[in-house]
Amino acid sequence: MLGWDAGYEEKFKQVAGPRDAAARVIADYGAEYLLHDGGATRRATSRRVDPAVGDWVAFEGGVIKGILERRTVFSRHAAGAETLEQVLAANVDVTFVLAAATDVNPRRIERYLTVAWQSGAVPIVVLTKADITDAAGVMRAELEAVAAGAPVIVTSSVSGEGLDEIALQLQPARTGVLLGPSGTGKSTLINAIVGAAVMRTREIHRSGEGRHMTSHRQLVQLPAGGMIIDTPGLREAQLWEGEDALANIFEDVEALALQCRFSDCAHVTEPGCAIKSALADGTLDGGRLTSYRKLRRELRAVAAKTDARIRLEDRKKWKQTSMATRRARP
């Protein structure tokens, strides 16, 4: 039943009532959910809990009553001024981070990889639309440079290149999720893997222009027994958590920081700064450092809103950096 196993059986006993049944959330329409119980699909609502696509739930009579403990959680900072977590998908085994050959943006990939690593799922970077470029090899190398060891798969939904590699990651009972902005070909990729038009798409021109048609999150079962979750294109995946993930993705930056003469080096004016030396000799790309700093600030800002200790630490660091900058001015 869509990845159900003995582990979920035990989790179900912890939350279910005597008349509850188990099902997996396969679509989220906002006010309503689509469930699959292994035999049929059912529509349901939820008053007390907020399930996500991929969740296993206990339900009765069209009402979701509880969510089973999640193995992995794919989430981001919800849009808006409030500090809230938005769970996009749950119980995912592998996250495919997509980049179209028409728009390879290393900084965006670093951001999405942070979300992917933090979820607990295995991250894989996928270059789509390889058929419209002669520079797929160069683009692959560019992605590998920021992938932090995650595999990079080059694909084309037109020629079929790379589709077998994707399918190998989605063996029976395994669930994947596609992450990327609009226009990266998520729905087209699913259709190519399934071998049928199960997801709506718009025609993509030779230029690669087009829009992702998905307006809701949906889990699709694959012919071989695996599952894949399609999500609406995210303009920017705002981070919710990810300190550990950031350390994995920017291992090179953090390793350099450990070589600085001072342990509290702000990498501004301090002597013996390994970061500044690496920037000067070209060992470290300035754009990568800027990306690291931006993501780190974002994570700290989220944490500071819920932790007074972190707010105090950040104020002290800001004062120290500000004073060092003023002293360095002529």
Protein backbone atom coordinates (compact mmCIF):
# COMPACT_ATOMS: atom_id res chain seq x y z
CA MET A 1 0.00 0.00 0.00
CA LEU A 2 2.08 2.92 -1.32
CA GLY A 3 5.08 2.21 0.91
CA TRP A 4 3.28 0.88 3.99
CA ASP A 5 5.42 -1.38 6.19
CA ALA A 6 5.64 -2.84 9.70
CA GLY A 7 7.12 0.38 11.04
CA TYR A 8 4.07 2.36 10.00
CA GLU A 9 1.84 -0.36 11.43
CA GLU A 10 3.31 0.34 14.87
CA LYS A 11 3.02 4.10 14.42
CA PHE A 12 -0.63 3.67 13.40
CA LYS A 13 -1.45 1.90 16.65
CA GLN A 14 -0.13 4.92 18.57
CA VAL A 15 -2.56 7.43 17.03
CA ALA A 16 -5.55 5.47 15.73
CA GLY A 17 -8.92 5.01 17.33
CA PRO A 18 -10.79 1.67 17.26
CA ARG A 19 -12.71 2.54 14.07
CA ASP A 20 -9.94 4.40 12.24
CA ALA A 21 -8.38 3.22 8.99
CA ALA A 22 -4.94 4.02 7.58
CA ALA A 23 -4.32 5.85 4.32
CA ARG A 24 -1.68 7.94 2.61
CA VAL A 25 -2.25 11.54 1.54
CA ILE A 26 -1.74 11.63 -2.23
CA ALA A 27 -3.00 15.14 -3.00
CA ASP A 28 -3.46 18.40 -1.11
CA TYR A 29 -6.12 20.75 -2.52
CA GLY A 30 -6.05 23.13 0.43
CA ALA A 31 -9.47 22.62 2.00
CA GLU A 32 -9.61 18.97 0.98
CA TYR A 33 -7.24 16.02 0.69
CA LEU A 34 -7.17 12.93 -1.48
CA LEU A 35 -6.27 9.72 0.36
CA HIS A 36 -5.35 6.24 -0.85
CA ASP A 37 -5.94 3.30 1.48
CA GLY A 38 -4.42 0.61 -0.71
CA GLY A 39 -7.65 -0.21 -2.46
CA ALA A 40 -9.37 3.04 -3.32
CA THR A 41 -8.98 6.79 -3.27
CA ARG A 42 -11.11 8.82 -0.90
CA ARG A 43 -11.68 12.52 -0.30
CA ALA A 44 -11.25 13.77 3.24
CA THR A 45 -11.07 16.92 5.31
CA SER A 46 -9.07 17.69 8.43
CA ARG A 47 -10.13 19.83 11.37
CA ARG A 48 -7.50 19.11 14.01
CA VAL A 49 -4.29 18.31 12.11
CA ASP A 50 -2.48 19.68 9.08
CA PRO A 51 -1.28 16.77 6.92
CA ALA A 52 1.02 17.02 3.91
CA VAL A 53 1.30 14.95 0.76
CA GLY A 54 3.13 11.75 1.64
CA ASP A 55 1.80 11.64 5.19
CA TRP A 56 0.26 8.48 6.58
CA VAL A 57 -2.92 9.32 8.46
CA ALA A 58 -5.65 7.75 10.55
CA PHE A 59 -9.10 8.65 9.26
CA GLU A 60 -12.75 7.79 9.78
CA GLY A 61 -15.77 8.73 7.70
CA GLY A 62 -13.97 11.20 5.47
CA VAL A 63 -12.25 13.02 8.35
CA ILE A 64 -8.51 12.85 9.05
CA LYS A 65 -8.04 12.40 12.79
CA GLY A 66 -4.31 11.92 13.22
CA ILE A 67 -0.93 11.93 11.47
CA LEU A 68 1.52 9.08 11.92
CA GLU A 69 5.04 10.06 13.02
CA ARG A 70 7.01 11.18 9.97
CA ARG A 71 10.27 9.58 8.89
CA THR A 72 11.38 12.58 6.86
CA VAL A 73 9.94 16.08 6.56
CA PHE A 74 10.38 18.36 3.56
CA SER A 75 9.55 21.87 4.73
CA ARG A 76 10.27 25.57 4.30
CA HIS A 77 9.56 28.86 6.04
CA ALA A 78 5.97 29.72 5.15
CA ALA A 79 5.40 32.88 3.14
CA GLY A 80 4.35 35.89 5.18
CA ALA A 81 5.55 37.86 8.18
CA GLU A 82 4.88 35.15 10.77
CA THR A 83 7.54 32.59 11.68
CA LEU A 84 5.76 29.40 10.65
CA GLU A 85 6.86 26.10 9.16
CA GLN A 86 5.16 24.90 5.98
CA VAL A 87 5.47 21.15 5.42
CA LEU A 88 5.49 20.49 1.68
CA ALA A 89 5.90 16.71 1.71
CA ALA A 90 6.55 13.90 4.17
CA ASN A 91 8.03 10.41 4.27
CA VAL A 92 10.20 11.04 1.23
CA ASP A 93 13.22 8.83 0.51
CA VAL A 94 14.91 10.87 -2.23
CA THR A 95 14.70 14.54 -3.23
CA PHE A 96 15.39 15.47 -6.85
CA VAL A 97 16.62 19.07 -7.12
CA LEU A 98 15.92 20.20 -10.68
CA ALA A 99 17.78 22.73 -12.81
CA ALA A 100 16.80 23.36 -16.43
CA ALA A 101 19.52 23.64 -19.06
CA THR A 102 18.00 27.02 -19.92
CA ASP A 103 18.68 28.42 -16.45
CA VAL A 104 21.46 26.78 -14.43
CA ASN A 105 21.77 28.88 -11.29
CA PRO A 106 24.32 27.52 -8.76
CA ARG A 107 23.06 29.85 -6.02
CA ARG A 108 19.52 28.52 -6.37
CA ILE A 109 20.78 24.94 -6.30
CA GLU A 110 22.67 25.63 -3.06
CA ARG A 111 19.45 26.90 -1.49
CA TYR A 112 17.34 23.96 -2.64
CA LEU A 113 20.02 21.49 -1.57
CA THR A 114 19.90 22.98 1.93
CA VAL A 115 16.18 22.22 2.05
CA ALA A 116 16.77 18.74 0.61
CA TRP A 117 19.57 17.77 3.02
CA GLN A 118 17.64 19.02 6.03
CA SER A 119 14.60 16.92 5.13
CA GLY A 120 16.47 13.70 5.85
CA ALA A 121 15.95 12.39 2.31
CA VAL A 122 18.78 11.57 -0.10
CA PRO A 123 19.45 14.57 -2.39
CA ILE A 124 20.08 14.18 -6.13
CA VAL A 125 20.59 17.06 -8.58
CA VAL A 126 18.89 16.68 -11.97
CA LEU A 127 19.72 18.72 -15.08
CA THR A 128 16.61 18.72 -17.28
CA LYS A 129 16.06 19.66 -20.95
CA ALA A 130 19.55 18.51 -21.94
CA ASP A 131 18.32 18.07 -25.52
CA ILE A 132 18.15 21.82 -26.13
CA THR A 133 21.81 22.54 -25.41
CA ASP A 134 25.23 21.44 -26.61
CA ALA A 135 26.80 22.36 -23.28
CA ALA A 136 25.20 19.75 -21.00
CA GLY A 137 28.63 18.47 -19.98
CA VAL A 138 29.76 21.93 -18.90
CA MET A 139 26.51 22.47 -17.01
CA ARG A 140 26.88 19.13 -15.26
CA ALA A 141 30.36 20.11 -14.07
CA GLU A 142 29.00 23.44 -12.83
CA LEU A 143 26.32 21.64 -10.83
CA GLU A 144 28.76 19.05 -9.45
CA ALA A 145 30.89 21.92 -8.13
CA VAL A 146 28.09 22.96 -5.75
CA ALA A 147 26.35 19.60 -5.20
CA ALA A 148 28.46 18.68 -2.14
CA GLY A 149 28.84 15.09 -3.31
CA ALA A 150 25.21 14.58 -4.32
CA PRO A 151 24.88 12.74 -7.65
CA VAL A 152 24.10 14.82 -10.74
CA ILE A 153 21.90 13.21 -13.41
CA VAL A 154 21.55 14.72 -16.89
CA THR A 155 18.08 14.11 -18.38
CA SER A 156 15.94 14.78 -21.40
CA SER A 157 12.25 13.96 -21.49
CA VAL A 158 12.50 14.13 -25.29
CA SER A 159 15.38 11.72 -25.92
CA GLY A 160 14.92 9.68 -22.75
CA GLU A 161 18.45 10.39 -21.52
CA GLY A 162 18.83 9.82 -17.79
CA LEU A 163 15.29 8.54 -17.21
CA ASP A 164 16.51 5.05 -16.30
CA GLU A 165 18.80 6.58 -13.66
CA ILE A 166 15.84 8.41 -12.14
CA ALA A 167 13.72 5.26 -12.20
CA LEU A 168 16.46 3.28 -10.41
CA GLN A 169 16.10 5.63 -7.44
CA LEU A 170 12.37 4.93 -7.26
CA GLN A 171 12.20 1.23 -6.60
CA PRO A 172 8.98 -0.29 -5.18
CA ALA A 173 7.83 1.37 -1.94
CA ARG A 174 10.30 4.28 -2.33
CA THR A 175 9.05 7.86 -2.60
CA GLY A 176 10.73 10.78 -4.33
CA VAL A 177 9.88 14.47 -4.55
CA LEU A 178 10.72 16.96 -7.30
CA LEU A 179 11.99 20.35 -6.17
CA GLY A 180 12.62 23.30 -8.44
CA PRO A 181 11.23 26.56 -9.79
CA SER A 182 8.59 26.79 -12.48
CA GLY A 183 9.79 25.83 -15.92
CA THR A 184 12.26 23.13 -14.92
CA GLY A 185 10.05 20.41 -16.42
CA LYS A 186 8.89 18.59 -13.29
CA SER A 187 5.53 17.47 -14.68
CA THR A 188 7.07 16.62 -18.05
CA LEU A 189 9.68 14.48 -16.30
CA ILE A 190 6.99 12.57 -14.40
CA ASN A 191 5.05 11.93 -17.60
CA ALA A 192 8.21 10.63 -19.27
CA ILE A 193 8.97 8.25 -16.40
CA VAL A 194 5.39 6.99 -16.19
CA GLY A 195 5.08 6.73 -19.96
CA ALA A 196 1.72 8.52 -19.98
CA ALA A 197 0.37 12.04 -19.63
CA VAL A 198 -0.60 11.85 -15.97
CA MET A 199 0.39 15.47 -15.27
CA ARG A 200 -0.73 18.58 -17.14
CA THR A 201 2.01 20.47 -18.98
CA ARG A 202 2.30 23.29 -21.45
CA GLU A 203 4.24 22.96 -24.66
CA ILE A 204 7.88 23.84 -24.12
CA HIS A 205 9.43 25.71 -27.04
CA ARG A 206 12.96 25.26 -28.33
CA SER A 207 14.03 28.17 -26.13
CA GLY A 208 12.95 26.16 -23.10
CA GLU A 209 10.35 28.72 -22.10
CA GLY A 210 7.19 27.45 -20.50
CA ARG A 211 5.40 27.17 -17.21
CA HIS A 212 4.87 24.41 -14.74
CA MET A 213 1.13 23.64 -14.66
CA THR A 214 0.99 22.01 -11.23
CA SER A 215 -1.19 24.03 -8.85
CA HIS A 216 -1.20 21.56 -5.95
CA ARG A 217 1.06 18.89 -4.47
CA GLN A 218 0.33 15.40 -5.71
CA LEU A 219 1.77 11.90 -5.28
CA VAL A 220 1.92 9.77 -8.43
CA GLN A 221 2.40 6.01 -8.38
CA LEU A 222 4.91 4.72 -10.93
CA PRO A 223 4.50 1.52 -12.97
CA ALA A 224 7.38 -0.21 -11.14
CA GLY A 225 5.84 0.46 -7.72
CA GLY A 226 7.73 3.57 -6.66
CA MET A 227 6.10 6.94 -6.06
CA ILE A 228 6.97 10.53 -6.88
CA ILE A 229 5.55 13.79 -5.53
CA ASP A 230 5.14 16.76 -7.84
CA THR A 231 5.03 20.21 -6.28
CA PRO A 232 4.12 23.66 -7.60
CA GLY A 233 7.17 25.63 -8.71
CA LEU A 234 8.80 27.52 -5.85
CA ARG A 235 10.16 30.96 -6.69
CA GLU A 236 12.35 30.73 -3.64
CA ALA A 237 12.49 28.00 -1.03
CA GLN A 238 12.73 30.03 2.16
CA LEU A 239 14.66 28.06 4.75
CA TRP A 240 13.11 26.79 7.96
CA GLU A 241 15.95 24.78 9.47
CA GLY A 242 19.27 23.68 8.05
CA GLU A 243 22.39 24.43 10.11
CA ASP A 244 23.60 20.85 9.69
CA ALA A 245 22.66 20.84 6.01
CA LEU A 246 24.52 24.10 5.45
CA ALA A 247 27.65 22.55 6.96
CA ASN A 248 27.40 19.69 4.45
CA ILE A 249 26.77 21.84 1.40
CA PHE A 250 29.38 24.48 2.25
CA GLU A 251 31.96 22.16 3.75
CA ASP A 252 34.70 23.98 1.79
CA VAL A 253 33.76 27.37 3.26
CA GLU A 254 33.51 26.07 6.82
CA ALA A 255 36.82 24.20 6.47
CA LEU A 256 38.51 27.45 5.41
CA ALA A 257 36.96 29.30 8.36
CA LEU A 258 38.60 26.80 10.73
CA GLN A 259 41.99 27.83 9.33
CA CYS A 260 41.54 31.49 10.30
CA ARG A 261 43.94 32.79 12.96
CA PHE A 262 41.07 33.83 15.22
CA SER A 263 38.23 31.46 16.08
CA ASP A 264 35.72 34.34 16.06
CA CYS A 265 36.99 35.76 12.77
CA ALA A 266 34.30 37.75 10.94
CA HIS A 267 36.27 37.54 7.67
CA VAL A 268 36.23 41.33 7.29
CA THR A 269 39.49 42.97 8.41
CA GLU A 270 41.10 40.39 10.69
CA PRO A 271 44.71 39.36 9.95
CA GLY A 272 45.31 35.72 9.11
CA CYS A 273 41.84 35.25 7.61
CA ALA A 274 41.82 32.11 5.45
CA ILE A 275 38.54 33.13 3.81
CA LYS A 276 40.00 36.42 2.55
CA SER A 277 43.12 34.64 1.33
CA ALA A 278 41.04 32.09 -0.60
CA LEU A 279 39.04 34.87 -2.21
CA ALA A 280 42.23 36.67 -3.20
CA ASP A 281 43.86 33.65 -4.85
CA GLY A 282 40.65 32.42 -6.49
CA THR A 283 40.36 29.24 -4.42
CA LEU A 284 36.95 30.37 -3.17
CA ASP A 285 34.35 31.91 -5.45
CA GLY A 286 32.93 35.18 -4.14
CA GLY A 287 29.42 34.26 -5.23
CA ARG A 288 29.57 31.03 -3.24
CA LEU A 289 30.67 32.88 -0.10
CA THR A 290 27.88 35.41 -0.56
CA SER A 291 25.39 32.55 -0.92
CA TYR A 292 26.70 30.89 2.24
CA ARG A 293 26.41 34.10 4.22
CA LYS A 294 22.92 34.82 2.94
CA LEU A 295 21.60 31.35 3.79
CA ARG A 296 23.27 31.40 7.18
CA ARG A 297 21.74 34.80 8.00
CA GLU A 298 18.36 33.51 6.93
CA LEU A 299 18.60 30.48 9.21
CA ARG A 300 19.80 32.59 12.12
CA ALA A 301 16.93 35.03 11.61
CA VAL A 302 14.38 32.22 11.79
CA ALA A 303 16.04 30.78 14.90
CA ALA A 304 16.32 34.18 16.56
CA LYS A 305 12.58 34.76 16.31
CA THR A 306 11.99 31.77 18.56
CA ASP A 307 15.13 31.80 20.73
CA ALA A 308 16.05 34.82 22.90
CA ARG A 309 19.58 33.47 23.49
CA ILE A 310 20.32 33.51 19.77
CA ARG A 311 18.96 37.06 19.46
CA LEU A 312 21.41 38.20 22.14
CA GLU A 313 24.34 36.40 20.50
CA ASP A 314 23.54 37.95 17.12
CA ARG A 315 23.39 41.47 18.59
CA LYS A 316 26.83 40.99 20.18
CA LYS A 317 28.33 39.69 16.93
CA TRP A 318 26.80 42.56 14.96
CA LYS A 319 28.36 45.09 17.33
CA GLN A 320 31.78 43.41 17.08
CA THR A 321 31.66 43.33 13.28
CA SER A 322 30.44 46.92 13.10
CA MET A 323 33.28 48.12 15.33
CA ALA A 324 35.88 46.20 13.30
CA THR A 325 34.55 47.72 10.08
CA ARG A 326 34.68 51.26 11.51
CA ARG A 327 38.26 50.78 12.72
CA ALA A 328 39.29 49.62 9.23
CA ARG A 329 38.01 52.79 7.55
CA PRO A 330 40.70 55.34 6.60
